[in-house]
N, C-alpha and C. Protein backbone atom coordinates (compact mmCIF):
# COMPACT_ATOMS: atom_id res chain seq x y z
N MET A 1 -104.91 75.18 55.16
CA MET A 1 -106.05 74.31 55.24
C MET A 1 -105.79 73.10 54.37
N THR A 2 -105.98 71.90 54.90
CA THR A 2 -105.84 70.68 54.13
C THR A 2 -107.14 70.43 53.39
N THR A 3 -107.06 70.23 52.08
CA THR A 3 -108.26 70.02 51.29
C THR A 3 -108.34 68.63 50.68
N GLY A 4 -107.33 67.80 50.87
CA GLY A 4 -107.42 66.45 50.32
C GLY A 4 -106.24 65.60 50.75
N ARG A 5 -106.49 64.31 50.85
CA ARG A 5 -105.44 63.33 51.19
C ARG A 5 -105.59 62.15 50.24
N SER A 6 -104.43 61.63 49.83
CA SER A 6 -104.43 60.45 48.99
C SER A 6 -103.08 59.77 49.13
N ALA A 7 -103.08 58.50 49.54
CA ALA A 7 -101.86 57.70 49.65
C ALA A 7 -100.75 58.44 50.39
N GLY A 8 -101.08 59.04 51.53
CA GLY A 8 -100.08 59.72 52.33
C GLY A 8 -99.71 61.11 51.85
N MET A 9 -100.36 61.61 50.81
CA MET A 9 -100.09 62.94 50.27
C MET A 9 -101.09 63.93 50.82
N ASN A 10 -100.66 65.17 51.01
CA ASN A 10 -101.55 66.24 51.46
C ASN A 10 -101.63 67.32 50.41
N LEU A 11 -102.82 67.71 50.04
CA LEU A 11 -103.04 68.82 49.12
C LEU A 11 -103.56 69.97 49.94
N ARG A 12 -102.85 71.10 49.92
CA ARG A 12 -103.26 72.26 50.71
C ARG A 12 -103.41 73.47 49.81
N VAL A 13 -104.42 74.26 50.09
CA VAL A 13 -104.64 75.53 49.41
C VAL A 13 -104.48 76.62 50.45
N GLY A 14 -103.76 77.66 50.12
CA GLY A 14 -103.54 78.72 51.09
C GLY A 14 -103.21 80.03 50.41
N ALA A 15 -102.70 80.95 51.18
CA ALA A 15 -102.31 82.26 50.68
C ALA A 15 -100.89 82.18 50.11
N GLU A 16 -100.28 83.32 49.93
CA GLU A 16 -98.92 83.38 49.41
C GLU A 16 -97.99 82.48 50.23
N ASP A 17 -97.11 81.78 49.53
CA ASP A 17 -96.20 80.84 50.17
C ASP A 17 -94.81 81.09 49.58
N ALA A 18 -94.00 81.90 50.25
CA ALA A 18 -92.67 82.28 49.74
C ALA A 18 -91.78 81.06 49.54
N GLU A 19 -91.84 80.12 50.45
CA GLU A 19 -91.02 78.90 50.34
C GLU A 19 -91.42 78.11 49.10
N LEU A 20 -92.71 77.94 48.87
CA LEU A 20 -93.19 77.22 47.70
C LEU A 20 -92.81 77.95 46.42
N SER A 21 -92.97 79.25 46.41
CA SER A 21 -92.62 80.05 45.23
C SER A 21 -91.15 79.90 44.88
N ALA A 22 -90.28 79.98 45.90
CA ALA A 22 -88.85 79.84 45.66
C ALA A 22 -88.52 78.44 45.12
N ARG A 23 -89.13 77.42 45.69
CA ARG A 23 -88.87 76.05 45.25
C ARG A 23 -89.35 75.83 43.82
N LEU A 24 -90.55 76.31 43.49
CA LEU A 24 -91.05 76.14 42.13
C LEU A 24 -90.16 76.87 41.13
N SER A 25 -89.72 78.06 41.48
CA SER A 25 -88.81 78.81 40.61
C SER A 25 -87.53 78.02 40.38
N GLU A 26 -86.97 77.46 41.43
CA GLU A 26 -85.74 76.66 41.33
C GLU A 26 -85.97 75.44 40.44
N GLU A 27 -87.07 74.73 40.67
CA GLU A 27 -87.35 73.51 39.90
C GLU A 27 -87.62 73.82 38.43
N LEU A 28 -88.42 74.85 38.17
CA LEU A 28 -88.73 75.21 36.78
C LEU A 28 -87.51 75.74 36.04
N THR A 29 -86.66 76.49 36.73
CA THR A 29 -85.42 76.97 36.11
C THR A 29 -84.55 75.78 35.71
N ALA A 30 -84.41 74.81 36.59
CA ALA A 30 -83.61 73.62 36.27
C ALA A 30 -84.22 72.87 35.08
N PHE A 31 -85.53 72.71 35.08
CA PHE A 31 -86.21 72.02 33.97
C PHE A 31 -86.00 72.77 32.66
N ASN A 32 -86.22 74.09 32.69
CA ASN A 32 -86.09 74.91 31.48
C ASN A 32 -84.65 74.90 30.97
N ASN A 33 -83.69 75.01 31.88
CA ASN A 33 -82.28 74.99 31.47
C ASN A 33 -81.92 73.66 30.82
N HIS A 34 -82.40 72.56 31.40
CA HIS A 34 -82.13 71.25 30.83
C HIS A 34 -82.77 71.11 29.44
N ALA A 35 -84.00 71.57 29.30
CA ALA A 35 -84.73 71.43 28.04
C ALA A 35 -84.13 72.28 26.92
N THR A 36 -83.56 73.42 27.27
CA THR A 36 -83.09 74.35 26.23
C THR A 36 -81.57 74.40 26.10
N GLY A 37 -80.87 73.98 27.10
CA GLY A 37 -79.42 74.11 27.09
C GLY A 37 -78.94 75.49 27.50
N ALA A 38 -79.83 76.39 27.77
CA ALA A 38 -79.48 77.75 28.21
C ALA A 38 -79.37 77.75 29.73
N HIS A 39 -78.23 78.21 30.23
CA HIS A 39 -77.99 78.21 31.68
C HIS A 39 -77.57 79.59 32.17
N ASP A 40 -78.01 80.63 31.48
CA ASP A 40 -77.54 81.98 31.80
C ASP A 40 -78.63 82.86 32.42
N ASP A 41 -79.59 82.25 33.11
CA ASP A 41 -80.68 83.02 33.70
C ASP A 41 -80.15 83.93 34.81
N ARG A 42 -80.58 85.19 34.74
CA ARG A 42 -80.17 86.20 35.73
C ARG A 42 -81.32 87.17 35.95
N GLY A 43 -81.43 87.65 37.15
CA GLY A 43 -82.38 88.71 37.44
C GLY A 43 -81.90 90.01 36.82
N LEU A 44 -82.81 90.94 36.67
CA LEU A 44 -82.51 92.25 36.09
C LEU A 44 -83.30 93.29 36.87
N SER A 45 -82.65 94.37 37.27
CA SER A 45 -83.37 95.43 37.96
C SER A 45 -82.79 96.79 37.59
N VAL A 46 -83.67 97.79 37.59
CA VAL A 46 -83.29 99.17 37.37
C VAL A 46 -84.02 99.98 38.44
N ARG A 47 -83.29 100.83 39.15
CA ARG A 47 -83.86 101.58 40.28
C ARG A 47 -83.54 103.06 40.12
N VAL A 48 -84.53 103.91 40.42
CA VAL A 48 -84.34 105.36 40.47
C VAL A 48 -84.72 105.82 41.87
N ALA A 49 -83.82 106.52 42.53
CA ALA A 49 -84.08 107.06 43.87
C ALA A 49 -83.81 108.56 43.86
N ASP A 50 -84.51 109.28 44.71
CA ASP A 50 -84.28 110.72 44.83
C ASP A 50 -83.13 110.98 45.80
N GLU A 51 -82.84 112.27 46.06
CA GLU A 51 -81.72 112.63 46.93
C GLU A 51 -81.85 112.05 48.33
N ALA A 52 -83.08 111.86 48.79
CA ALA A 52 -83.31 111.30 50.13
C ALA A 52 -83.22 109.77 50.15
N GLY A 53 -83.03 109.18 48.98
CA GLY A 53 -82.95 107.72 48.90
C GLY A 53 -84.29 107.05 48.73
N ASP A 54 -85.36 107.84 48.61
CA ASP A 54 -86.69 107.26 48.43
C ASP A 54 -86.87 106.77 47.00
N LEU A 55 -87.55 105.65 46.85
CA LEU A 55 -87.77 105.07 45.53
C LEU A 55 -88.68 105.97 44.69
N VAL A 56 -88.23 106.29 43.49
CA VAL A 56 -88.99 107.09 42.54
C VAL A 56 -89.59 106.18 41.46
N ALA A 57 -88.80 105.21 41.02
CA ALA A 57 -89.24 104.33 39.95
C ALA A 57 -88.39 103.07 39.96
N GLY A 58 -88.94 102.01 39.40
CA GLY A 58 -88.17 100.78 39.33
C GLY A 58 -88.70 99.82 38.29
N LEU A 59 -87.84 98.90 37.90
CA LEU A 59 -88.16 97.86 36.93
C LEU A 59 -87.47 96.60 37.40
N VAL A 60 -88.17 95.48 37.35
CA VAL A 60 -87.57 94.18 37.60
C VAL A 60 -87.92 93.24 36.46
N GLY A 61 -87.01 92.34 36.19
CA GLY A 61 -87.22 91.40 35.11
C GLY A 61 -86.15 90.33 35.14
N TRP A 62 -85.80 89.81 33.98
CA TRP A 62 -84.86 88.71 33.88
C TRP A 62 -84.25 88.67 32.49
N THR A 63 -83.14 87.96 32.37
CA THR A 63 -82.57 87.62 31.08
C THR A 63 -82.26 86.13 31.10
N TRP A 64 -82.41 85.48 29.94
CA TRP A 64 -82.18 84.04 29.85
C TRP A 64 -82.20 83.62 28.39
N GLY A 65 -81.17 82.93 27.98
CA GLY A 65 -81.16 82.32 26.65
C GLY A 65 -81.32 83.29 25.50
N GLY A 66 -80.80 84.49 25.64
CA GLY A 66 -80.90 85.48 24.57
C GLY A 66 -82.18 86.28 24.57
N CYS A 67 -83.00 86.10 25.57
CA CYS A 67 -84.26 86.85 25.69
C CYS A 67 -84.28 87.56 27.03
N ALA A 68 -84.95 88.70 27.07
CA ALA A 68 -85.17 89.42 28.32
C ALA A 68 -86.67 89.51 28.56
N GLY A 69 -87.04 89.60 29.81
CA GLY A 69 -88.44 89.77 30.17
C GLY A 69 -88.56 90.87 31.20
N ILE A 70 -89.55 91.71 31.02
CA ILE A 70 -89.87 92.74 32.00
C ILE A 70 -91.06 92.23 32.79
N SER A 71 -90.86 92.08 34.11
CA SER A 71 -91.92 91.56 34.98
C SER A 71 -92.76 92.67 35.58
N GLU A 72 -92.12 93.73 36.06
CA GLU A 72 -92.84 94.83 36.72
C GLU A 72 -92.13 96.15 36.46
N VAL A 73 -92.91 97.19 36.20
CA VAL A 73 -92.41 98.56 36.08
C VAL A 73 -93.33 99.44 36.91
N TRP A 74 -92.73 100.34 37.67
CA TRP A 74 -93.53 101.24 38.49
C TRP A 74 -92.84 102.60 38.58
N VAL A 75 -93.64 103.66 38.51
CA VAL A 75 -93.16 105.02 38.71
C VAL A 75 -94.07 105.68 39.74
N ARG A 76 -93.47 106.30 40.75
CA ARG A 76 -94.24 106.97 41.81
C ARG A 76 -95.17 108.01 41.18
N ALA A 77 -96.38 108.11 41.72
CA ALA A 77 -97.44 108.95 41.12
C ALA A 77 -96.99 110.39 40.89
N ASP A 78 -96.25 110.98 41.82
CA ASP A 78 -95.86 112.39 41.66
C ASP A 78 -94.73 112.59 40.67
N ARG A 79 -94.16 111.50 40.12
CA ARG A 79 -93.07 111.61 39.15
C ARG A 79 -93.43 111.02 37.79
N ARG A 80 -94.71 110.66 37.62
CA ARG A 80 -95.15 110.14 36.33
C ARG A 80 -95.18 111.26 35.30
N HIS A 81 -95.10 110.90 34.05
CA HIS A 81 -95.11 111.83 32.92
C HIS A 81 -93.85 112.69 32.88
N GLU A 82 -92.75 112.18 33.47
CA GLU A 82 -91.46 112.86 33.40
C GLU A 82 -90.45 112.05 32.58
N GLY A 83 -90.90 110.96 31.98
CA GLY A 83 -90.02 110.13 31.16
C GLY A 83 -89.29 109.03 31.88
N TRP A 84 -89.60 108.81 33.17
CA TRP A 84 -88.89 107.78 33.92
C TRP A 84 -89.17 106.38 33.39
N GLY A 85 -90.40 106.12 33.00
CA GLY A 85 -90.72 104.79 32.48
C GLY A 85 -89.90 104.45 31.25
N ALA A 86 -89.81 105.40 30.32
CA ALA A 86 -89.02 105.17 29.11
C ALA A 86 -87.55 104.98 29.44
N ARG A 87 -87.03 105.74 30.41
CA ARG A 87 -85.63 105.59 30.81
C ARG A 87 -85.37 104.23 31.46
N LEU A 88 -86.32 103.78 32.28
CA LEU A 88 -86.19 102.46 32.89
C LEU A 88 -86.12 101.37 31.83
N VAL A 89 -87.06 101.42 30.90
CA VAL A 89 -87.13 100.39 29.85
C VAL A 89 -85.88 100.44 28.98
N ARG A 90 -85.44 101.64 28.61
CA ARG A 90 -84.24 101.76 27.78
C ARG A 90 -83.01 101.20 28.51
N ALA A 91 -82.90 101.50 29.81
CA ALA A 91 -81.77 100.98 30.59
C ALA A 91 -81.82 99.46 30.65
N ALA A 92 -83.01 98.89 30.83
CA ALA A 92 -83.16 97.43 30.86
C ALA A 92 -82.81 96.84 29.49
N GLU A 93 -83.26 97.47 28.42
CA GLU A 93 -82.92 96.99 27.08
C GLU A 93 -81.41 97.04 26.83
N ASP A 94 -80.77 98.13 27.26
CA ASP A 94 -79.32 98.25 27.10
C ASP A 94 -78.59 97.14 27.86
N GLU A 95 -79.03 96.87 29.08
CA GLU A 95 -78.40 95.80 29.86
C GLU A 95 -78.68 94.44 29.21
N ALA A 96 -79.88 94.25 28.69
CA ALA A 96 -80.20 93.00 28.00
C ALA A 96 -79.27 92.81 26.80
N LEU A 97 -79.06 93.86 26.04
CA LEU A 97 -78.13 93.78 24.91
C LEU A 97 -76.73 93.42 25.39
N ALA A 98 -76.29 94.06 26.47
CA ALA A 98 -74.95 93.78 27.01
C ALA A 98 -74.83 92.31 27.44
N ARG A 99 -75.95 91.71 27.82
CA ARG A 99 -75.96 90.30 28.23
C ARG A 99 -76.16 89.36 27.04
N GLY A 100 -76.23 89.90 25.83
CA GLY A 100 -76.38 89.08 24.64
C GLY A 100 -77.79 88.80 24.22
N CYS A 101 -78.75 89.50 24.77
CA CYS A 101 -80.15 89.27 24.40
C CYS A 101 -80.48 89.96 23.08
N THR A 102 -81.42 89.37 22.36
CA THR A 102 -81.86 89.92 21.08
C THR A 102 -83.32 90.34 21.09
N SER A 103 -84.02 90.06 22.19
CA SER A 103 -85.45 90.41 22.26
C SER A 103 -85.89 90.59 23.70
N VAL A 104 -87.05 91.25 23.84
CA VAL A 104 -87.65 91.50 25.15
C VAL A 104 -89.13 91.17 25.06
N ILE A 105 -89.68 90.57 26.13
CA ILE A 105 -91.12 90.35 26.21
C ILE A 105 -91.65 91.04 27.46
N VAL A 106 -92.91 91.45 27.41
CA VAL A 106 -93.57 92.10 28.55
C VAL A 106 -95.07 91.98 28.37
N SER A 107 -95.79 91.98 29.47
CA SER A 107 -97.26 92.00 29.44
C SER A 107 -97.74 93.18 30.26
N SER A 108 -98.90 93.71 29.88
CA SER A 108 -99.48 94.86 30.57
C SER A 108 -101.00 94.75 30.52
N MET A 109 -101.65 95.08 31.62
CA MET A 109 -103.11 95.09 31.61
C MET A 109 -103.61 96.36 30.92
N SER A 110 -104.81 96.30 30.39
CA SER A 110 -105.35 97.41 29.60
C SER A 110 -105.40 98.72 30.37
N PHE A 111 -105.55 98.67 31.69
CA PHE A 111 -105.61 99.90 32.48
C PHE A 111 -104.22 100.35 32.94
N GLN A 112 -103.19 99.59 32.59
CA GLN A 112 -101.83 99.95 32.97
C GLN A 112 -101.15 100.73 31.85
N ALA A 113 -100.39 100.05 31.00
CA ALA A 113 -99.54 100.80 30.07
C ALA A 113 -99.36 100.19 28.68
N PRO A 114 -100.39 99.61 28.08
CA PRO A 114 -100.15 99.05 26.74
C PRO A 114 -99.74 100.11 25.72
N GLY A 115 -100.30 101.31 25.81
CA GLY A 115 -99.90 102.38 24.90
C GLY A 115 -98.46 102.79 25.09
N PHE A 116 -98.00 102.78 26.33
CA PHE A 116 -96.61 103.10 26.64
C PHE A 116 -95.68 102.13 25.93
N TYR A 117 -95.96 100.84 26.03
CA TYR A 117 -95.07 99.86 25.39
C TYR A 117 -95.10 100.00 23.87
N ARG A 118 -96.25 100.28 23.31
CA ARG A 118 -96.31 100.51 21.86
C ARG A 118 -95.41 101.69 21.48
N ARG A 119 -95.45 102.77 22.27
CA ARG A 119 -94.60 103.94 21.99
C ARG A 119 -93.11 103.62 22.13
N GLN A 120 -92.79 102.60 22.90
CA GLN A 120 -91.38 102.20 23.06
C GLN A 120 -90.94 101.23 21.96
N GLY A 121 -91.81 100.96 21.01
CA GLY A 121 -91.46 100.10 19.89
C GLY A 121 -91.83 98.64 20.05
N TYR A 122 -92.63 98.31 21.06
CA TYR A 122 -93.05 96.93 21.29
C TYR A 122 -94.25 96.61 20.40
N LEU A 123 -94.26 95.38 19.87
CA LEU A 123 -95.36 94.91 19.03
C LEU A 123 -96.25 94.00 19.86
N GLU A 124 -97.56 94.23 19.76
CA GLU A 124 -98.49 93.38 20.50
C GLU A 124 -98.58 92.02 19.81
N THR A 125 -98.39 90.96 20.59
CA THR A 125 -98.41 89.61 20.04
C THR A 125 -99.66 88.83 20.43
N GLY A 126 -100.46 89.40 21.33
CA GLY A 126 -101.68 88.72 21.74
C GLY A 126 -102.31 89.44 22.91
N SER A 127 -103.52 89.04 23.21
CA SER A 127 -104.23 89.61 24.36
C SER A 127 -105.28 88.62 24.82
N GLY A 128 -105.71 88.81 26.05
CA GLY A 128 -106.75 87.95 26.61
C GLY A 128 -107.54 88.70 27.65
N GLY A 129 -108.82 88.48 27.67
CA GLY A 129 -109.71 89.16 28.61
C GLY A 129 -109.93 88.35 29.87
N GLY A 130 -111.04 88.66 30.52
CA GLY A 130 -111.41 87.94 31.72
C GLY A 130 -110.85 88.52 33.00
N LEU A 131 -110.24 89.68 32.94
CA LEU A 131 -109.71 90.32 34.14
C LEU A 131 -110.81 91.13 34.83
N PRO A 132 -110.64 91.42 36.11
CA PRO A 132 -111.65 92.22 36.82
C PRO A 132 -111.94 93.53 36.09
N GLY A 133 -113.20 93.94 36.12
CA GLY A 133 -113.61 95.20 35.49
C GLY A 133 -113.68 95.12 33.98
N GLY A 134 -113.60 93.92 33.42
CA GLY A 134 -113.66 93.76 31.97
C GLY A 134 -112.36 94.11 31.27
N HIS A 135 -111.26 94.15 31.99
CA HIS A 135 -109.98 94.52 31.40
C HIS A 135 -109.31 93.35 30.70
N THR A 136 -108.26 93.69 29.94
CA THR A 136 -107.55 92.74 29.10
C THR A 136 -106.07 92.78 29.42
N ARG A 137 -105.40 91.63 29.30
CA ARG A 137 -103.94 91.59 29.41
C ARG A 137 -103.38 91.56 27.99
N HIS A 138 -102.42 92.46 27.73
CA HIS A 138 -101.78 92.57 26.42
C HIS A 138 -100.34 92.07 26.52
N HIS A 139 -99.90 91.31 25.52
CA HIS A 139 -98.56 90.74 25.49
C HIS A 139 -97.76 91.39 24.36
N PHE A 140 -96.52 91.76 24.66
CA PHE A 140 -95.69 92.50 23.72
C PHE A 140 -94.33 91.85 23.52
N PHE A 141 -93.72 92.15 22.37
CA PHE A 141 -92.42 91.63 21.98
C PHE A 141 -91.66 92.74 21.27
N LYS A 142 -90.36 92.78 21.51
CA LYS A 142 -89.52 93.76 20.80
C LYS A 142 -88.19 93.12 20.46
N GLU A 143 -87.79 93.24 19.19
CA GLU A 143 -86.45 92.84 18.76
C GLU A 143 -85.51 93.96 19.17
N LEU A 144 -84.40 93.60 19.79
CA LEU A 144 -83.42 94.60 20.18
C LEU A 144 -82.41 94.79 19.05
N GLU A 145 -82.04 96.04 18.85
CA GLU A 145 -81.05 96.36 17.83
C GLU A 145 -79.82 96.94 18.50
N ARG A 146 -78.68 96.41 18.11
CA ARG A 146 -77.42 96.92 18.63
C ARG A 146 -77.13 98.27 18.00
N THR A 147 -76.79 99.25 18.83
CA THR A 147 -76.39 100.56 18.34
C THR A 147 -74.95 100.81 18.81
N GLU A 148 -74.39 101.92 18.37
CA GLU A 148 -73.02 102.25 18.78
C GLU A 148 -72.92 102.43 20.29
N ASN A 149 -74.02 102.87 20.93
CA ASN A 149 -74.02 103.10 22.37
C ASN A 149 -74.22 101.83 23.17
N ALA A 150 -74.76 100.79 22.53
CA ALA A 150 -75.03 99.54 23.26
C ALA A 150 -73.77 98.70 23.32
N GLY A 151 -73.62 97.96 24.46
CA GLY A 151 -72.46 97.10 24.67
C GLY A 151 -72.35 96.10 23.61
């Protein structure tokens, strides 16, 4: 739907736009790389599948400029409370260390897993409300420590 025109420009509001998302990611990555001098941005993923190949758990995130970020973590309902979340996060942290990262950031809504991240050694750096149902988004940070097992 077109919602405005000005000097030959069109402003449109719509639903998810994969092409726009990809372009914005490309443009912001270029801007951020130029501003910081860091050009080592890479995606990060950890996947757990059962014998049938069905997804049991997964984590996606990124590494860039010595920092890692966890974007999404999910464990299938019938496999929760078996330690998969902690294994996913530890594997991501190990890979981040191998890539030269010294810290990890992640956010979690109050009804998701803020307690989980605290148990994994993450420190809460801030929070903000205004989410549906009166929930809060919590932001976490963790310094990574090199161990004998880490790359």
